[in-house]
C-alpha atoms as a PDB file:
ATOM      1  CA  UNK A   1     -21.123 -21.115  41.427  1.00  0.00           C
ATOM      2  CA  UNK A   2     -21.022 -23.596  38.371  1.00  0.00           C
ATOM      3  CA  UNK A   3     -23.122 -21.670  36.130  1.00  0.00           C
ATOM      4  CA  UNK A   4     -20.927 -18.394  36.876  1.00  0.00           C
ATOM      5  CA  UNK A   5     -17.868 -20.260  35.640  1.00  0.00           C
ATOM      6  CA  UNK A   6     -19.592 -21.535  32.326  1.00  0.00           C
ATOM      7  CA  UNK A   7     -20.754 -17.928  31.420  1.00  0.00           C
ATOM      8  CA  UNK A   8     -17.127 -16.787  31.904  1.00  0.00           C
ATOM      9  CA  UNK A   9     -15.627 -19.677  30.016  1.00  0.00           C
ATOM     10  CA  UNK A  10     -18.292 -18.615  27.212  1.00  0.00           C
ATOM     11  CA  UNK A  11     -17.379 -15.117  27.253  1.00  0.00           C
ATOM     12  CA  UNK A  12     -13.504 -15.848  26.966  1.00  0.00           C
ATOM     13  CA  UNK A  13     -14.252 -18.106  24.222  1.00  0.00           C
ATOM     14  CA  UNK A  14     -16.230 -15.548  22.432  1.00  0.00           C
ATOM     15  CA  UNK A  15     -13.721 -12.842  22.835  1.00  0.00           C
ATOM     16  CA  UNK A  16     -10.957 -14.857  21.596  1.00  0.00           C
ATOM     17  CA  UNK A  17     -12.993 -16.298  18.599  1.00  0.00           C
ATOM     18  CA  UNK A  18     -13.944 -12.586  17.586  1.00  0.00           C
ATOM     19  CA  UNK A  19      -9.999 -11.856  17.919  1.00  0.00           C
ATOM     20  CA  UNK A  20      -8.899 -14.603  15.775  1.00  0.00           C
ATOM     21  CA  UNK A  21     -11.449 -13.861  13.180  1.00  0.00           C
ATOM     22  CA  UNK A  22     -10.447 -10.281  13.031  1.00  0.00           C
ATOM     23  CA  UNK A  23      -6.728 -11.422  12.468  1.00  0.00           C
ATOM     24  CA  UNK A  24      -7.808 -13.708   9.730  1.00  0.00           C
ATOM     25  CA  UNK A  25      -9.751 -11.195   7.983  1.00  0.00           C
ATOM     26  CA  UNK A  26      -6.724  -8.707   8.157  1.00  0.00           C
ATOM     27  CA  UNK A  27      -4.201 -11.414   6.680  1.00  0.00           C
ATOM     28  CA  UNK A  28      -6.656 -12.102   3.762  1.00  0.00           C
ATOM     29  CA  UNK A  29      -7.100  -8.278   3.055  1.00  0.00           C
ATOM     30  CA  UNK A  30      -5.134  -7.578  -0.150  1.00  0.00           C
ATOM     31  CA  UNK A  31      -3.245  -4.319  -0.254  1.00  0.00           C
ATOM     32  CA  UNK A  32      -4.989  -1.839  -2.635  1.00  0.00           C
ATOM     33  CA  UNK A  33      -2.386  -0.433  -4.886  1.00  0.00           C
ATOM     34  CA  UNK A  34      -4.559   2.524  -6.022  1.00  0.00           C
ATOM     35  CA  UNK A  35      -5.254   3.635  -2.288  1.00  0.00           C
ATOM     36  CA  UNK A  36      -1.641   3.071  -1.448  1.00  0.00           C
ATOM     37  CA  UNK A  37      -0.437   5.290  -4.392  1.00  0.00           C
ATOM     38  CA  UNK A  38      -2.771   7.815  -3.310  1.00  0.00           C
ATOM     39  CA  UNK A  39      -1.689   7.612   0.302  1.00  0.00           C
ATOM     40  CA  UNK A  40       2.228   7.423  -0.245  1.00  0.00           C
ATOM     41  CA  UNK A  41       3.049   8.701  -3.840  1.00  0.00           C
ATOM     42  CA  UNK A  42       0.571  11.238  -5.068  1.00  0.00           C
ATOM     43  CA  UNK A  43       1.471  14.040  -2.567  1.00  0.00           C
ATOM     44  CA  UNK A  44       4.972  14.174  -3.969  1.00  0.00           C
ATOM     45  CA  UNK A  45       3.956  13.733  -7.539  1.00  0.00           C
ATOM     46  CA  UNK A  46       1.225  16.197  -8.311  1.00  0.00           C
ATOM     47  CA  UNK A  47       1.326  18.448 -11.138  1.00  0.00           C
ATOM     48  CA  UNK A  48       3.987  21.072 -10.936  1.00  0.00           C
ATOM     49  CA  UNK A  49       5.735  19.117  -8.296  1.00  0.00           C
ATOM     50  CA  UNK A  50       9.699  19.484  -8.150  1.00  0.00           C
ATOM     51  CA  UNK A  51       9.673  15.655  -8.208  1.00  0.00           C
ATOM     52  CA  UNK A  52       7.828  15.451 -11.351  1.00  0.00           C
ATOM     53  CA  UNK A  53       3.921  14.595 -11.974  1.00  0.00           C
ATOM     54  CA  UNK A  54       3.601  10.988 -12.104  1.00  0.00           C
ATOM     55  CA  UNK A  55       0.347   8.942 -12.513  1.00  0.00           C
ATOM     56  CA  UNK A  56       0.176   5.224 -13.896  1.00  0.00           C
ATOM     57  CA  UNK A  57      -0.342   6.563 -17.303  1.00  0.00           C
ATOM     58  CA  UNK A  58       2.650   8.673 -17.238  1.00  0.00           C
ATOM     59  CA  UNK A  59       4.802   5.824 -18.223  1.00  0.00           C
ATOM     60  CA  UNK A  60       4.381   2.769 -20.183  1.00  0.00           C
ATOM     61  CA  UNK A  61       4.384  -0.750 -18.776  1.00  0.00           C
ATOM     62  CA  UNK A  62       8.159  -1.536 -19.636  1.00  0.00           C
ATOM     63  CA  UNK A  63       9.166   1.905 -18.084  1.00  0.00           C
ATOM     64  CA  UNK A  64       7.273   1.036 -14.879  1.00  0.00           C
ATOM     65  CA  UNK A  65       8.914  -2.443 -14.524  1.00  0.00           C
ATOM     66  CA  UNK A  66      12.424  -0.694 -15.120  1.00  0.00           C
ATOM     67  CA  UNK A  67      11.584   1.906 -12.428  1.00  0.00           C
ATOM     68  CA  UNK A  68      10.738  -0.646  -9.896  1.00  0.00           C
ATOM     69  CA  UNK A  69      13.497  -3.007 -10.704  1.00  0.00           C
ATOM     70  CA  UNK A  70      16.223  -0.645 -11.323  1.00  0.00           C
ATOM     71  CA  UNK A  71      15.415   3.068 -10.049  1.00  0.00           C
ATOM     72  CA  UNK A  72      13.139   3.009  -7.205  1.00  0.00           C
ATOM     73  CA  UNK A  73      15.513   2.366  -4.428  1.00  0.00           C
ATOM     74  CA  UNK A  74      18.152   4.726  -5.558  1.00  0.00           C
ATOM     75  CA  UNK A  75      15.832   7.656  -6.338  1.00  0.00           C
ATOM     76  CA  UNK A  76      13.758   7.342  -3.039  1.00  0.00           C
ATOM     77  CA  UNK A  77      16.222   6.087  -0.440  1.00  0.00           C
ATOM     78  CA  UNK A  78      16.875   9.603   0.554  1.00  0.00           C
ATOM     79  CA  UNK A  79      13.430  10.927   0.452  1.00  0.00           C
ATOM     80  CA  UNK A  80      11.696  11.436   3.769  1.00  0.00           C
ATOM     81  CA  UNK A  81       8.063  11.096   4.280  1.00  0.00           C
ATOM     82  CA  UNK A  82       6.697  13.931   6.599  1.00  0.00           C
ATOM     83  CA  UNK A  83       3.430  12.012   7.222  1.00  0.00           C
ATOM     84  CA  UNK A  84       5.503   9.182   8.650  1.00  0.00           C
ATOM     85  CA  UNK A  85       7.895  10.740  11.242  1.00  0.00           C
ATOM     86  CA  UNK A  86      10.085  11.793   8.358  1.00  0.00           C
ATOM     87  CA  UNK A  87      11.212   8.230   7.893  1.00  0.00           C
ATOM     88  CA  UNK A  88      12.841   7.361   4.321  1.00  0.00           C
ATOM     89  CA  UNK A  89      10.010   6.427   2.010  1.00  0.00           C
ATOM     90  CA  UNK A  90      11.772   3.064   1.404  1.00  0.00           C
ATOM     91  CA  UNK A  91      11.113   2.264   5.074  1.00  0.00           C
ATOM     92  CA  UNK A  92       7.476   3.493   4.911  1.00  0.00           C
ATOM     93  CA  UNK A  93       6.563   1.532   2.212  1.00  0.00           C
ATOM     94  CA  UNK A  94       6.673  -2.207   2.809  1.00  0.00           C
ATOM     95  CA  UNK A  95       7.573  -4.951   0.187  1.00  0.00           C
ATOM     96  CA  UNK A  96       3.901  -5.941   0.148  1.00  0.00           C
ATOM     97  CA  UNK A  97       2.616  -2.243  -0.271  1.00  0.00           C
ATOM     98  CA  UNK A  98       5.241  -1.650  -3.010  1.00  0.00           C
ATOM     99  CA  UNK A  99       4.364  -4.605  -4.941  1.00  0.00           C
ATOM    100  CA  UNK A 100       0.707  -3.617  -4.843  1.00  0.00           C
ATOM    101  CA  UNK A 101       1.690   0.009  -6.137  1.00  0.00           C
ATOM    102  CA  UNK A 102       3.864  -1.751  -8.997  1.00  0.00           C
ATOM    103  CA  UNK A 103       0.874  -3.800  -9.933  1.00  0.00           C
ATOM    104  CA  UNK A 104      -1.546  -0.724  -9.994  1.00  0.00           C
ATOM    105  CA  UNK A 105       0.848   1.307 -11.871  1.00  0.00           C
ATOM    106  CA  UNK A 106       1.606  -1.259 -14.604  1.00  0.00           C
ATOM    107  CA  UNK A 107      -2.014  -2.036 -14.819  1.00  0.00           C
ATOM    108  CA  UNK A 108      -2.890   1.475 -15.543  1.00  0.00           C
ATOM    109  CA  UNK A 109       0.150   2.378 -17.572  1.00  0.00           C
ATOM    110  CA  UNK A 110      -0.138   4.429 -20.899  1.00  0.00           C
ATOM    111  CA  UNK A 111       0.170   1.282 -23.084  1.00  0.00           C
ATOM    112  CA  UNK A 112      -2.472  -0.884 -20.925  1.00  0.00           C
ATOM    113  CA  UNK A 113      -5.908  -1.639 -21.773  1.00  0.00           C
ATOM    114  CA  UNK A 114      -7.356   1.012 -19.276  1.00  0.00           C
ATOM    115  CA  UNK A 115      -4.847   3.734 -18.656  1.00  0.00           C
ATOM    116  CA  UNK A 116      -5.388   5.569 -15.276  1.00  0.00           C
ATOM    117  CA  UNK A 117      -4.546   9.010 -13.808  1.00  0.00           C
ATOM    118  CA  UNK A 118      -5.097   8.112 -10.152  1.00  0.00           C
ATOM    119  CA  UNK A 119      -8.084  10.636  -9.696  1.00  0.00           C
END
């Protein structure tokens, strides 16, 4: 009987340890700005889109900064995301994800060392 309790205790401890490790890894995992841009922005900003084609190298760094600081909220508050139950884009994209996208677009801007098109 004592042995069974010991085995159960070890199993419970192992499951808890694995669960906590998964949580720790998830918290440390940084948001990938490029992947988020592709997932959340690119589908509405393709070539020929009514919304305009935008890639990181469409604008220079100062223009991207100004967009996020002054225009993002106003231009995207009414935009609904069909991939996320038609919620407003400003609700779908968290502040953390928006910051990662912002860093990606600024890093790949037309006047950066490595302009990017985003695939």
